[in-house]
Amino acid sequence: MKPPRTGIEAQAHGHTSTPSPRAESTRDVLDVLASGVVKTVAGGALPDPQHRGTGVTSESGRELLTEKMLADRWVCSVARLQRWRTVGEGPPYLKIVGKVLYRLKDIEAYEEASLVRKVF
């Protein structure tokens, strides 16, 4: 008498077996996604995408920027911002749990103060 074939051997020889638990859970997830798509299409309106702001919003409504976000805003390197902090230049910053954050209002005030007006 031959031992029973494994799942791979059975598929190779045209035999089918019951799906694995992983295949079942994948099928369940796909069914849920498909039903959501059908409901969305049937409703006619697509849900509004979530807006992802450029800053971190705290509970008090103040917007905070990371040093990477500020470097992107000013088209400069993060190293430049770090160097400015060590020599006391640049805008004021917060250091919370070891993370450097800039308040948007401070950034805007610094930008306004740095505005160069031509004088003839």
PDB file of N, CA and C in Angstrom:
ATOM      1  N   MET A   1       0.843  -1.168   0.000  1.00  0.00           N
ATOM      2  CA  MET A   1       0.000   0.000   0.000  1.00  0.00           C
ATOM      3  C   MET A   1       0.891   1.235   0.000  1.00  0.00           C
ATOM      4  N   LYS A   2       0.532   2.255  -0.854  1.00  0.00           N
ATOM      5  CA  LYS A   2       1.321   3.486  -0.972  1.00  0.00           C
ATOM      6  C   LYS A   2       0.894   4.475   0.107  1.00  0.00           C
ATOM      7  N   PRO A   3       1.847   5.276   0.616  1.00  0.00           N
ATOM      8  CA  PRO A   3       1.475   6.325   1.582  1.00  0.00           C
ATOM      9  C   PRO A   3       0.691   7.418   0.861  1.00  0.00           C
ATOM     10  N   PRO A   4      -0.164   8.159   1.582  1.00  0.00           N
ATOM     11  CA  PRO A   4      -0.932   9.227   0.939  1.00  0.00           C
ATOM     12  C   PRO A   4       0.004  10.312   0.413  1.00  0.00           C
ATOM     13  N   ARG A   5      -0.379  10.909  -0.689  1.00  0.00           N
ATOM     14  CA  ARG A   5       0.445  11.949  -1.319  1.00  0.00           C
ATOM     15  C   ARG A   5       0.315  13.260  -0.539  1.00  0.00           C
ATOM     16  N   THR A   6       1.396  14.024  -0.578  1.00  0.00           N
ATOM     17  CA  THR A   6       1.355  15.353   0.046  1.00  0.00           C
ATOM     18  C   THR A   6       0.579  16.282  -0.877  1.00  0.00           C
ATOM     19  N   GLY A   7       0.293  17.500  -0.413  1.00  0.00           N
ATOM     20  CA  GLY A   7      -0.472  18.462  -1.193  1.00  0.00           C
ATOM     21  C   GLY A   7       0.168  18.796  -2.522  1.00  0.00           C
ATOM     22  N   ILE A   8       1.491  18.954  -2.536  1.00  0.00           N
ATOM     23  CA  ILE A   8       2.205  19.303  -3.767  1.00  0.00           C
ATOM     24  C   ILE A   8       2.183  18.126  -4.725  1.00  0.00           C
ATOM     25  N   GLU A   9       2.421  16.911  -4.201  1.00  0.00           N
ATOM     26  CA  GLU A   9       2.396  15.725  -5.050  1.00  0.00           C
ATOM     27  C   GLU A   9       1.004  15.498  -5.614  1.00  0.00           C
ATOM     28  N   ALA A  10      -0.019  15.744  -4.814  1.00  0.00           N
ATOM     29  CA  ALA A  10      -1.384  15.536  -5.268  1.00  0.00           C
ATOM     30  C   ALA A  10      -1.718  16.522  -6.381  1.00  0.00           C
ATOM     31  N   GLN A  11      -1.286  17.771  -6.251  1.00  0.00           N
ATOM     32  CA  GLN A  11      -1.562  18.750  -7.291  1.00  0.00           C
ATOM     33  C   GLN A  11      -0.807  18.398  -8.563  1.00  0.00           C
ATOM     34  N   ALA A  12       0.426  17.906  -8.433  1.00  0.00           N
ATOM     35  CA  ALA A  12       1.223  17.540  -9.586  1.00  0.00           C
ATOM     36  C   ALA A  12       0.590  16.377 -10.345  1.00  0.00           C
ATOM     37  N   HIS A  13      -0.110  15.496  -9.655  1.00  0.00           N
ATOM     38  CA  HIS A  13      -0.724  14.343 -10.290  1.00  0.00           C
ATOM     39  C   HIS A  13      -2.207  14.554 -10.563  1.00  0.00           C
ATOM     40  N   GLY A  14      -2.689  15.793 -10.442  1.00  0.00           N
ATOM     41  CA  GLY A  14      -4.069  16.097 -10.781  1.00  0.00           C
ATOM     42  C   GLY A  14      -5.066  15.830  -9.681  1.00  0.00           C
ATOM     43  N   HIS A  15      -4.614  15.493  -8.507  1.00  0.00           N
ATOM     44  CA  HIS A  15      -5.517  15.259  -7.393  1.00  0.00           C
ATOM     45  C   HIS A  15      -5.707  16.565  -6.637  1.00  0.00           C
ATOM     46  N   THR A  16      -6.895  16.791  -6.168  1.00  0.00           N
ATOM     47  CA  THR A  16      -7.142  17.989  -5.376  1.00  0.00           C
ATOM     48  C   THR A  16      -7.341  17.596  -3.938  1.00  0.00           C
ATOM     49  N   SER A  17      -7.017  18.513  -3.083  1.00  0.00           N
ATOM     50  CA  SER A  17      -7.219  18.278  -1.661  1.00  0.00           C
ATOM     51  C   SER A  17      -7.917  19.495  -1.091  1.00  0.00           C
ATOM     52  N   THR A  18      -8.252  19.445   0.167  1.00  0.00           N
ATOM     53  CA  THR A  18      -8.913  20.580   0.794  1.00  0.00           C
ATOM     54  C   THR A  18      -7.916  21.722   0.900  1.00  0.00           C
ATOM     55  N   PRO A  19      -8.378  22.965   0.745  1.00  0.00           N
ATOM     56  CA  PRO A  19      -7.452  24.104   0.824  1.00  0.00           C
ATOM     57  C   PRO A  19      -6.858  24.246   2.211  1.00  0.00           C
ATOM     58  N   SER A  20      -5.657  24.809   2.249  1.00  0.00           N
ATOM     59  CA  SER A  20      -4.986  25.014   3.527  1.00  0.00           C
ATOM     60  C   SER A  20      -5.675  26.134   4.290  1.00  0.00           C
ATOM     61  N   PRO A  21      -5.461  26.205   5.614  1.00  0.00           N
ATOM     62  CA  PRO A  21      -6.066  27.300   6.388  1.00  0.00           C
ATOM     63  C   PRO A  21      -5.627  28.675   5.889  1.00  0.00           C
ATOM     64  N   ARG A  22      -4.392  28.776   5.412  1.00  0.00           N
ATOM     65  CA  ARG A  22      -3.905  30.065   4.899  1.00  0.00           C
ATOM     66  C   ARG A  22      -4.661  30.471   3.646  1.00  0.00           C
ATOM     67  N   ALA A  23      -4.909  29.506   2.751  1.00  0.00           N
ATOM     68  CA  ALA A  23      -5.667  29.796   1.540  1.00  0.00           C
ATOM     69  C   ALA A  23      -7.086  30.221   1.891  1.00  0.00           C
ATOM     70  N   GLU A  24      -7.658  29.590   2.905  1.00  0.00           N
ATOM     71  CA  GLU A  24      -9.011  29.959   3.351  1.00  0.00           C
ATOM     72  C   GLU A  24      -9.034  31.398   3.849  1.00  0.00           C
ATOM     73  N   SER A  25      -8.052  31.787   4.677  1.00  0.00           N
ATOM     74  CA  SER A  25      -8.057  33.144   5.227  1.00  0.00           C
ATOM     75  C   SER A  25      -7.809  34.175   4.125  1.00  0.00           C
ATOM     76  N   THR A  26      -6.979  33.833   3.143  1.00  0.00           N
ATOM     77  CA  THR A  26      -6.749  34.732   2.017  1.00  0.00           C
ATOM     78  C   THR A  26      -8.028  34.905   1.219  1.00  0.00           C
ATOM     79  N   ARG A  27      -8.732  33.811   1.001  1.00  0.00           N
ATOM     80  CA  ARG A  27      -9.990  33.879   0.275  1.00  0.00           C
ATOM     81  C   ARG A  27     -10.999  34.733   1.033  1.00  0.00           C
ATOM     82  N   ASP A  28     -11.039  34.619   2.371  1.00  0.00           N
ATOM     83  CA  ASP A  28     -11.953  35.423   3.182  1.00  0.00           C
ATOM     84  C   ASP A  28     -11.645  36.914   3.031  1.00  0.00           C
ATOM     85  N   VAL A  29     -10.368  37.271   3.076  1.00  0.00           N
ATOM     86  CA  VAL A  29      -9.967  38.665   2.937  1.00  0.00           C
ATOM     87  C   VAL A  29     -10.362  39.189   1.559  1.00  0.00           C
ATOM     88  N   LEU A  30     -10.122  38.391   0.534  1.00  0.00           N
ATOM     89  CA  LEU A  30     -10.478  38.808  -0.815  1.00  0.00           C
ATOM     90  C   LEU A  30     -11.989  38.972  -0.967  1.00  0.00           C
ATOM     91  N   ASP A  31     -12.754  38.102  -0.327  1.00  0.00           N
ATOM     92  CA  ASP A  31     -14.218  38.228  -0.369  1.00  0.00           C
ATOM     93  C   ASP A  31     -14.665  39.529   0.278  1.00  0.00           C
ATOM     94  N   VAL A  32     -14.087  39.878   1.412  1.00  0.00           N
ATOM     95  CA  VAL A  32     -14.448  41.117   2.097  1.00  0.00           C
ATOM     96  C   VAL A  32     -14.097  42.324   1.230  1.00  0.00           C
ATOM     97  N   LEU A  33     -12.905  42.313   0.631  1.00  0.00           N
ATOM     98  CA  LEU A  33     -12.502  43.415  -0.236  1.00  0.00           C
ATOM     99  C   LEU A  33     -13.419  43.528  -1.451  1.00  0.00           C
ATOM    100  N   ALA A  34     -13.733  42.392  -2.053  1.00  0.00           N
ATOM    101  CA  ALA A  34     -14.605  42.401  -3.227  1.00  0.00           C
ATOM    102  C   ALA A  34     -15.988  42.927  -2.883  1.00  0.00           C
ATOM    103  N   SER A  35     -16.531  42.546  -1.729  1.00  0.00           N
ATOM    104  CA  SER A  35     -17.862  43.026  -1.361  1.00  0.00           C
ATOM    105  C   SER A  35     -17.833  44.536  -1.106  1.00  0.00           C
ATOM    106  N   GLY A  36     -16.729  45.048  -0.548  1.00  0.00           N
ATOM    107  CA  GLY A  36     -16.604  46.488  -0.343  1.00  0.00           C
ATOM    108  C   GLY A  36     -16.553  47.239  -1.653  1.00  0.00           C
ATOM    109  N   VAL A  37     -15.855  46.674  -2.648  1.00  0.00           N
ATOM    110  CA  VAL A  37     -15.777  47.300  -3.966  1.00  0.00           C
ATOM    111  C   VAL A  37     -17.147  47.303  -4.616  1.00  0.00           C
ATOM    112  N   VAL A  38     -17.871  46.183  -4.506  1.00  0.00           N
ATOM    113  CA  VAL A  38     -19.207  46.100  -5.088  1.00  0.00           C
ATOM    114  C   VAL A  38     -20.136  47.127  -4.451  1.00  0.00           C
ATOM    115  N   LYS A  39     -20.073  47.283  -3.133  1.00  0.00           N
ATOM    116  CA  LYS A  39     -20.916  48.261  -2.443  1.00  0.00           C
ATOM    117  C   LYS A  39     -20.571  49.679  -2.881  1.00  0.00           C
ATOM    118  N   THR A  40     -19.278  49.964  -3.040  1.00  0.00           N
ATOM    119  CA  THR A  40     -18.853  51.299  -3.462  1.00  0.00           C
ATOM    120  C   THR A  40     -19.347  51.603  -4.871  1.00  0.00           C
ATOM    121  N   VAL A  41     -19.191  50.644  -5.770  1.00  0.00           N
ATOM    122  CA  VAL A  41     -19.629  50.841  -7.147  1.00  0.00           C
ATOM    123  C   VAL A  41     -21.143  50.961  -7.205  1.00  0.00           C
ATOM    124  N   ALA A  42     -21.842  50.153  -6.442  1.00  0.00           N
ATOM    125  CA  ALA A  42     -23.303  50.197  -6.430  1.00  0.00           C
ATOM    126  C   ALA A  42     -23.802  51.520  -5.872  1.00  0.00           C
ATOM    127  N   GLY A  43     -23.096  52.079  -4.899  1.00  0.00           N
ATOM    128  CA  GLY A  43     -23.492  53.349  -4.297  1.00  0.00           C
ATOM    129  C   GLY A  43     -23.284  54.512  -5.245  1.00  0.00           C
ATOM    130  N   GLY A  44     -22.395  54.362  -6.218  1.00  0.00           N
ATOM    131  CA  GLY A  44     -22.180  55.400  -7.208  1.00  0.00           C
ATOM    132  C   GLY A  44     -21.172  56.454  -6.803  1.00  0.00           C
ATOM    133  N   ALA A  45     -20.963  56.656  -5.531  1.00  0.00           N
ATOM    134  CA  ALA A  45     -20.040  57.705  -5.085  1.00  0.00           C
ATOM    135  C   ALA A  45     -18.841  57.059  -4.410  1.00  0.00           C
ATOM    136  N   LEU A  46     -17.702  57.582  -4.712  1.00  0.00           N
ATOM    137  CA  LEU A  46     -16.492  57.093  -4.069  1.00  0.00           C
ATOM    138  C   LEU A  46     -16.282  57.849  -2.775  1.00  0.00           C
ATOM    139  N   PRO A  47     -15.751  57.192  -1.766  1.00  0.00           N
ATOM    140  CA  PRO A  47     -15.491  57.894  -0.513  1.00  0.00           C
ATOM    141  C   PRO A  47     -14.397  58.933  -0.702  1.00  0.00           C
ATOM    142  N   ASP A  48     -14.480  60.020   0.057  1.00  0.00           N
ATOM    143  CA  ASP A  48     -13.455  61.047   0.003  1.00  0.00           C
ATOM    144  C   ASP A  48     -12.158  60.489   0.567  1.00  0.00           C
ATOM    145  N   PRO A  49     -11.043  60.696  -0.127  1.00  0.00           N
ATOM    146  CA  PRO A  49      -9.772  60.206   0.413  1.00  0.00           C
ATOM    147  C   PRO A  49      -9.402  60.988   1.663  1.00  0.00           C
ATOM    148  N   GLN A  50      -8.722  60.324   2.554  1.00  0.00           N
ATOM    149  CA  GLN A  50      -8.260  60.980   3.771  1.00  0.00           C
ATOM    150  C   GLN A  50      -7.159  61.965   3.393  1.00  0.00           C
ATOM    151  N   HIS A  51      -7.268  63.193   3.887  1.00  0.00           N
ATOM    152  CA  HIS A  51      -6.224  64.185   3.640  1.00  0.00           C
ATOM    153  C   HIS A  51      -5.100  63.966   4.631  1.00  0.00           C
ATOM    154  N   ARG A  52      -3.917  63.826   4.102  1.00  0.00           N
ATOM    155  CA  ARG A  52      -2.752  63.698   4.968  1.00  0.00           C
ATOM    156  C   ARG A  52      -1.984  64.993   4.899  1.00  0.00           C
ATOM    157  N   GLY A  53      -1.999  65.717   5.983  1.00  0.00           N
ATOM    158  CA  GLY A  53      -1.312  67.000   6.028  1.00  0.00           C
ATOM    159  C   GLY A  53       0.184  66.812   6.024  1.00  0.00           C
ATOM    160  N   THR A  54       0.868  67.910   5.868  1.00  0.00           N
ATOM    161  CA  THR A  54       2.324  67.841   5.846  1.00  0.00           C
ATOM    162  C   THR A  54       2.910  67.898   7.242  1.00  0.00           C
ATOM    163  N   GLY A  55       2.088  68.167   8.229  1.00  0.00           N
ATOM    164  CA  GLY A  55       2.610  68.300   9.577  1.00  0.00           C
ATOM    165  C   GLY A  55       1.936  67.352  10.545  1.00  0.00           C
ATOM    166  N   VAL A  56       2.466  67.319  11.734  1.00  0.00           N
ATOM    167  CA  VAL A  56       1.888  66.542  12.808  1.00  0.00           C
ATOM    168  C   VAL A  56       1.009  67.494  13.596  1.00  0.00           C
ATOM    169  N   THR A  57      -0.260  67.153  13.735  1.00  0.00           N
ATOM    170  CA  THR A  57      -1.170  68.036  14.442  1.00  0.00           C
ATOM    171  C   THR A  57      -1.333  67.543  15.865  1.00  0.00           C
ATOM    172  N   SER A  58      -1.100  68.411  16.810  1.00  0.00           N
ATOM    173  CA  SER A  58      -1.262  68.040  18.205  1.00  0.00           C
ATOM    174  C   SER A  58      -2.694  68.300  18.634  1.00  0.00           C
ATOM    175  N   GLU A  59      -3.022  67.911  19.850  1.00  0.00           N
ATOM    176  CA  GLU A  59      -4.376  68.064  20.342  1.00  0.00           C
ATOM    177  C   GLU A  59      -4.816  69.524  20.394  1.00  0.00           C
ATOM    178  N   SER A  60      -3.899  70.431  20.645  1.00  0.00           N
ATOM    179  CA  SER A  60      -4.269  71.840  20.749  1.00  0.00           C
ATOM    180  C   SER A  60      -4.402  72.500  19.380  1.00  0.00           C
ATOM    181  N   GLY A  61      -4.191  71.743  18.296  1.00  0.00           N
ATOM    182  CA  GLY A  61      -4.380  72.292  16.962  1.00  0.00           C
ATOM    183  C   GLY A  61      -3.138  72.938  16.372  1.00  0.00           C
ATOM    184  N   ARG A  62      -2.016  72.925  17.083  1.00  0.00           N
ATOM    185  CA  ARG A  62      -0.779  73.494  16.537  1.00  0.00           C
ATOM    186  C   ARG A  62      -0.160  72.484  15.585  1.00  0.00           C
ATOM    187  N   GLU A  63       0.373  72.971  14.491  1.00  0.00           N
ATOM    188  CA  GLU A  63       1.007  72.084  13.536  1.00  0.00           C
ATOM    189  C   GLU A  63       2.504  72.038  13.815  1.00  0.00           C
ATOM    190  N   LEU A  64       3.052  70.833  13.803  1.00  0.00           N
ATOM    191  CA  LEU A  64       4.471  70.628  14.067  1.00  0.00           C
ATOM    192  C   LEU A  64       5.122  69.975  12.859  1.00  0.00           C
ATOM    193  N   LEU A  65       6.360  70.337  12.602  1.00  0.00           N
ATOM    194  CA  LEU A  65       7.113  69.757  11.502  1.00  0.00           C
ATOM    195  C   LEU A  65       8.358  69.082  12.044  1.00  0.00           C
ATOM    196  N   THR A  66       8.713  67.957  11.460  1.00  0.00           N
ATOM    197  CA  THR A  66       9.971  67.298  11.800  1.00  0.00           C
ATOM    198  C   THR A  66      11.097  68.020  11.064  1.00  0.00           C
ATOM    199  N   GLU A  67      12.333  67.704  11.419  1.00  0.00           N
ATOM    200  CA  GLU A  67      13.451  68.361  10.735  1.00  0.00           C
ATOM    201  C   GLU A  67      13.494  67.954   9.259  1.00  0.00           C
ATOM    202  N   LYS A  68      13.079  66.736   8.950  1.00  0.00           N
ATOM    203  CA  LYS A  68      13.035  66.289   7.556  1.00  0.00           C
ATOM    204  C   LYS A  68      11.996  67.094   6.774  1.00  0.00           C
ATOM    205  N   MET A  69      10.845  67.334   7.395  1.00  0.00           N
ATOM    206  CA  MET A  69       9.789  68.109   6.738  1.00  0.00           C
ATOM    207  C   MET A  69      10.239  69.547   6.495  1.00  0.00           C
ATOM    208  N   LEU A  70      10.931  70.128   7.468  1.00  0.00           N
ATOM    209  CA  LEU A  70      11.420  71.494   7.308  1.00  0.00           C
ATOM    210  C   LEU A  70      12.511  71.555   6.241  1.00  0.00           C
ATOM    211  N   ALA A  71      13.385  70.550   6.230  1.00  0.00           N
ATOM    212  CA  ALA A  71      14.434  70.513   5.202  1.00  0.00           C
ATOM    213  C   ALA A  71      13.803  70.424   3.809  1.00  0.00           C
ATOM    214  N   ASP A  72      12.750  69.647   3.660  1.00  0.00           N
ATOM    215  CA  ASP A  72      12.049  69.560   2.378  1.00  0.00           C
ATOM    216  C   ASP A  72      11.400  70.896   2.026  1.00  0.00           C
ATOM    217  N   ARG A  73      10.814  71.550   3.011  1.00  0.00           N
ATOM    218  CA  ARG A  73      10.149  72.838   2.782  1.00  0.00           C
ATOM    219  C   ARG A  73      11.147  73.889   2.309  1.00  0.00           C
ATOM    220  N   TRP A  74      12.328  73.916   2.923  1.00  0.00           N
ATOM    221  CA  TRP A  74      13.327  74.918   2.596  1.00  0.00           C
ATOM    222  C   TRP A  74      14.336  74.444   1.547  1.00  0.00           C
ATOM    223  N   VAL A  75      14.167  73.242   1.053  1.00  0.00           N
ATOM    224  CA  VAL A  75      15.068  72.655   0.065  1.00  0.00           C
ATOM    225  C   VAL A  75      16.515  72.756   0.551  1.00  0.00           C
ATOM    226  N   CYS A  76      16.735  72.240   1.720  1.00  0.00           N
ATOM    227  CA  CYS A  76      18.089  72.194   2.290  1.00  0.00           C
ATOM    228  C   CYS A  76      18.264  70.824   2.949  1.00  0.00           C
ATOM    229  N   SER A  77      19.436  70.586   3.464  1.00  0.00           N
ATOM    230  CA  SER A  77      19.698  69.291   4.094  1.00  0.00           C
ATOM    231  C   SER A  77      19.317  69.310   5.575  1.00  0.00           C
ATOM    232  N   VAL A  78      19.046  68.132   6.085  1.00  0.00           N
ATOM    233  CA  VAL A  78      18.779  67.986   7.516  1.00  0.00           C
ATOM    234  C   VAL A  78      20.039  68.347   8.295  1.00  0.00           C
ATOM    235  N   ALA A  79      21.192  68.032   7.730  1.00  0.00           N
ATOM    236  CA  ALA A  79      22.468  68.344   8.388  1.00  0.00           C
ATOM    237  C   ALA A  79      22.622  69.850   8.604  1.00  0.00           C
ATOM    238  N   ARG A  80      22.139  70.651   7.657  1.00  0.00           N
ATOM    239  CA  ARG A  80      22.221  72.105   7.812  1.00  0.00           C
ATOM    240  C   ARG A  80      21.396  72.548   9.017  1.00  0.00           C
ATOM    241  N   LEU A  81      20.187  72.024   9.149  1.00  0.00           N
ATOM    242  CA  LEU A  81      19.337  72.377  10.289  1.00  0.00           C
ATOM    243  C   LEU A  81      19.991  71.940  11.601  1.00  0.00           C
ATOM    244  N   GLN A  82      20.598  70.759  11.592  1.00  0.00           N
ATOM    245  CA  GLN A  82      21.281  70.267  12.789  1.00  0.00           C
ATOM    246  C   GLN A  82      22.465  71.164  13.142  1.00  0.00           C
ATOM    247  N   ARG A  83      23.214  71.587  12.138  1.00  0.00           N
ATOM    248  CA  ARG A  83      24.361  72.479  12.368  1.00  0.00           C
ATOM    249  C   ARG A  83      23.881  73.819  12.928  1.00  0.00           C
ATOM    250  N   TRP A  84      22.789  74.363  12.375  1.00  0.00           N
ATOM    251  CA  TRP A  84      22.252  75.622  12.884  1.00  0.00           C
ATOM    252  C   TRP A  84      21.870  75.492  14.348  1.00  0.00           C
ATOM    253  N   ARG A  85      21.280  74.367  14.718  1.00  0.00           N
ATOM    254  CA  ARG A  85      20.882  74.193  16.128  1.00  0.00           C
ATOM    255  C   ARG A  85      22.098  74.173  17.042  1.00  0.00           C
ATOM    256  N   THR A  86      23.174  73.569  16.606  1.00  0.00           N
ATOM    257  CA  THR A  86      24.360  73.484  17.472  1.00  0.00           C
ATOM    258  C   THR A  86      25.027  74.842  17.662  1.00  0.00           C
ATOM    259  N   VAL A  87      24.908  75.735  16.677  1.00  0.00           N
ATOM    260  CA  VAL A  87      25.532  77.056  16.798  1.00  0.00           C
ATOM    261  C   VAL A  87      24.529  78.140  17.201  1.00  0.00           C
ATOM    262  N   GLY A  88      23.285  77.762  17.444  1.00  0.00           N
ATOM    263  CA  GLY A  88      22.283  78.717  17.912  1.00  0.00           C
ATOM    264  C   GLY A  88      21.633  79.548  16.815  1.00  0.00           C
ATOM    265  N   GLU A  89      21.712  79.105  15.582  1.00  0.00           N
ATOM    266  CA  GLU A  89      21.066  79.807  14.480  1.00  0.00           C
ATOM    267  C   GLU A  89      19.749  79.122  14.133  1.00  0.00           C
ATOM    268  N   GLY A  90      19.028  79.738  13.206  1.00  0.00           N
ATOM    269  CA  GLY A  90      17.795  79.140  12.714  1.00  0.00           C
ATOM    270  C   GLY A  90      16.600  79.384  13.615  1.00  0.00           C
ATOM    271  N   PRO A  91      15.475  78.797  13.262  1.00  0.00           N
ATOM    272  CA  PRO A  91      14.242  79.034  14.016  1.00  0.00           C
ATOM    273  C   PRO A  91      14.243  78.288  15.347  1.00  0.00           C
ATOM    274  N   PRO A  92      13.400  78.731  16.280  1.00  0.00           N
ATOM    275  CA  PRO A  92      13.274  78.002  17.542  1.00  0.00           C
ATOM    276  C   PRO A  92      12.717  76.604  17.290  1.00  0.00           C
ATOM    277  N   TYR A  93      13.035  75.678  18.177  1.00  0.00           N
ATOM    278  CA  TYR A  93      12.564  74.304  18.014  1.00  0.00           C
ATOM    279  C   TYR A  93      12.190  73.713  19.356  1.00  0.00           C
ATOM    280  N   LEU A  94      11.443  72.638  19.291  1.00  0.00           N
ATOM    281  CA  LEU A  94      11.080  71.869  20.491  1.00  0.00           C
ATOM    282  C   LEU A  94      11.875  70.580  20.471  1.00  0.00           C
ATOM    283  N   LYS A  95      12.201  70.083  21.630  1.00  0.00           N
ATOM    284  CA  LYS A  95      12.818  68.768  21.713  1.00  0.00           C
ATOM    285  C   LYS A  95      11.982  67.965  22.697  1.00  0.00           C
ATOM    286  N   ILE A  96      11.203  67.055  22.157  1.00  0.00           N
ATOM    287  CA  ILE A  96      10.278  66.262  22.963  1.00  0.00           C
ATOM    288  C   ILE A  96      10.661  64.798  22.810  1.00  0.00           C
ATOM    289  N   VAL A  97      10.966  64.169  23.916  1.00  0.00           N
ATOM    290  CA  VAL A  97      11.375  62.756  23.959  1.00  0.00           C
ATOM    291  C   VAL A  97      12.476  62.498  22.925  1.00  0.00           C
ATOM    292  N   GLY A  98      13.423  63.415  22.861  1.00  0.00           N
ATOM    293  CA  GLY A  98      14.570  63.246  21.975  1.00  0.00           C
ATOM    294  C   GLY A  98      14.291  63.556  20.514  1.00  0.00           C
ATOM    295  N   LYS A  99      13.075  63.943  20.175  1.00  0.00           N
ATOM    296  CA  LYS A  99      12.720  64.239  18.788  1.00  0.00           C
ATOM    297  C   LYS A  99      12.634  65.752  18.609  1.00  0.00           C
ATOM    298  N   VAL A 100      13.278  66.263  17.570  1.00  0.00           N
ATOM    299  CA  VAL A 100      13.278  67.691  17.280  1.00  0.00           C
ATOM    300  C   VAL A 100      12.050  68.010  16.431  1.00  0.00           C
ATOM    301  N   LEU A 101      11.263  68.980  16.878  1.00  0.00           N
ATOM    302  CA  LEU A 101      10.071  69.423  16.166  1.00  0.00           C
ATOM    303  C   LEU A 101      10.071  70.937  16.071  1.00  0.00           C
ATOM    304  N   TYR A 102       9.537  71.432  14.977  1.00  0.00           N
ATOM    305  CA  TYR A 102       9.419  72.863  14.760  1.00  0.00           C
ATOM    306  C   TYR A 102       7.939  73.230  14.691  1.00  0.00           C
ATOM    307  N   ARG A 103       7.559  74.310  15.364  1.00  0.00           N
ATOM    308  CA  ARG A 103       6.181  74.786  15.277  1.00  0.00           C
ATOM    309  C   ARG A 103       6.033  75.579  13.982  1.00  0.00           C
ATOM    310  N   LEU A 104       4.940  75.357  13.281  1.00  0.00           N
ATOM    311  CA  LEU A 104       4.710  76.026  12.018  1.00  0.00           C
ATOM    312  C   LEU A 104       4.687  77.547  12.195  1.00  0.00           C
ATOM    313  N   LYS A 105       4.091  78.017  13.274  1.00  0.00           N
ATOM    314  CA  LYS A 105       4.042  79.470  13.478  1.00  0.00           C
ATOM    315  C   LYS A 105       5.445  80.056  13.639  1.00  0.00           C
ATOM    316  N   ASP A 106       6.367  79.305  14.274  1.00  0.00           N
ATOM    317  CA  ASP A 106       7.751  79.773  14.405  1.00  0.00           C
ATOM    318  C   ASP A 106       8.462  79.777  13.048  1.00  0.00           C
ATOM    319  N   ILE A 107       8.181  78.764  12.244  1.00  0.00           N
ATOM    320  CA  ILE A 107       8.793  78.675  10.912  1.00  0.00           C
ATOM    321  C   ILE A 107       8.325  79.845  10.053  1.00  0.00           C
ATOM    322  N   GLU A 108       7.022  80.107  10.082  1.00  0.00           N
ATOM    323  CA  GLU A 108       6.480  81.205   9.281  1.00  0.00           C
ATOM    324  C   GLU A 108       7.025  82.553   9.754  1.00  0.00           C
ATOM    325  N   ALA A 109       7.169  82.738  11.069  1.00  0.00           N
ATOM    326  CA  ALA A 109       7.733  83.979  11.602  1.00  0.00           C
ATOM    327  C   ALA A 109       9.194  84.128  11.178  1.00  0.00           C
ATOM    328  N   TYR A 110       9.957  83.038  11.207  1.00  0.00           N
ATOM    329  CA  TYR A 110      11.361  83.070  10.792  1.00  0.00           C
ATOM    330  C   TYR A 110      11.469  83.407   9.307  1.00  0.00           C
ATOM    331  N   GLU A 111      10.580  82.811   8.506  1.00  0.00           N
ATOM    332  CA  GLU A 111      10.586  83.100   7.073  1.00  0.00           C
ATOM    333  C   GLU A 111      10.265  84.574   6.816  1.00  0.00           C
ATOM    334  N   GLU A 112       9.287  85.099   7.540  1.00  0.00           N
ATOM    335  CA  GLU A 112       8.915  86.507   7.378  1.00  0.00           C
ATOM    336  C   GLU A 112      10.074  87.423   7.768  1.00  0.00           C
ATOM    337  N   ALA A 113      10.761  87.093   8.854  1.00  0.00           N
ATOM    338  CA  ALA A 113      11.891  87.903   9.300  1.00  0.00           C
ATOM    339  C   ALA A 113      13.068  87.800   8.328  1.00  0.00           C
ATOM    340  N   SER A 114      13.141  86.720   7.578  1.00  0.00           N
ATOM    341  CA  SER A 114      14.242  86.523   6.631  1.00  0.00           C
ATOM    342  C   SER A 114      13.940  87.089   5.255  1.00  0.00           C
ATOM    343  N   LEU A 115      12.753  87.629   5.075  1.00  0.00           N
ATOM    344  CA  LEU A 115      12.343  88.163   3.791  1.00  0.00           C
ATOM    345  C   LEU A 115      13.213  89.361   3.424  1.00  0.00           C
ATOM    346  N   VAL A 116      13.793  89.326   2.251  1.00  0.00           N
ATOM    347  CA  VAL A 116      14.661  90.404   1.782  1.00  0.00           C
ATOM    348  C   VAL A 116      13.852  91.299   0.869  1.00  0.00           C
ATOM    349  N   ARG A 117      13.814  92.559   1.202  1.00  0.00           N
ATOM    350  CA  ARG A 117      13.095  93.545   0.381  1.00  0.00           C
ATOM    351  C   ARG A 117      14.139  94.428  -0.307  1.00  0.00           C
ATOM    352  N   LYS A 118      13.967  94.601  -1.580  1.00  0.00           N
ATOM    353  CA  LYS A 118      14.914  95.456  -2.315  1.00  0.00           C
ATOM    354  C   LYS A 118      14.720  96.908  -1.935  1.00  0.00           C
ATOM    355  N   VAL A 119      15.808  97.565  -1.699  1.00  0.00           N
ATOM    356  CA  VAL A 119      15.785  98.990  -1.388  1.00  0.00           C
ATOM    357  C   VAL A 119      16.669  99.700  -2.399  1.00  0.00           C
ATOM    358  N   PHE A 120      16.092 100.656  -3.146  1.00  0.00           N
ATOM    359  CA  PHE A 120      16.868 101.380  -4.151  1.00  0.00           C
ATOM    360  C   PHE A 120      17.196 102.747  -3.676  1.00  0.00           C
TER     361      PHE A 120
END
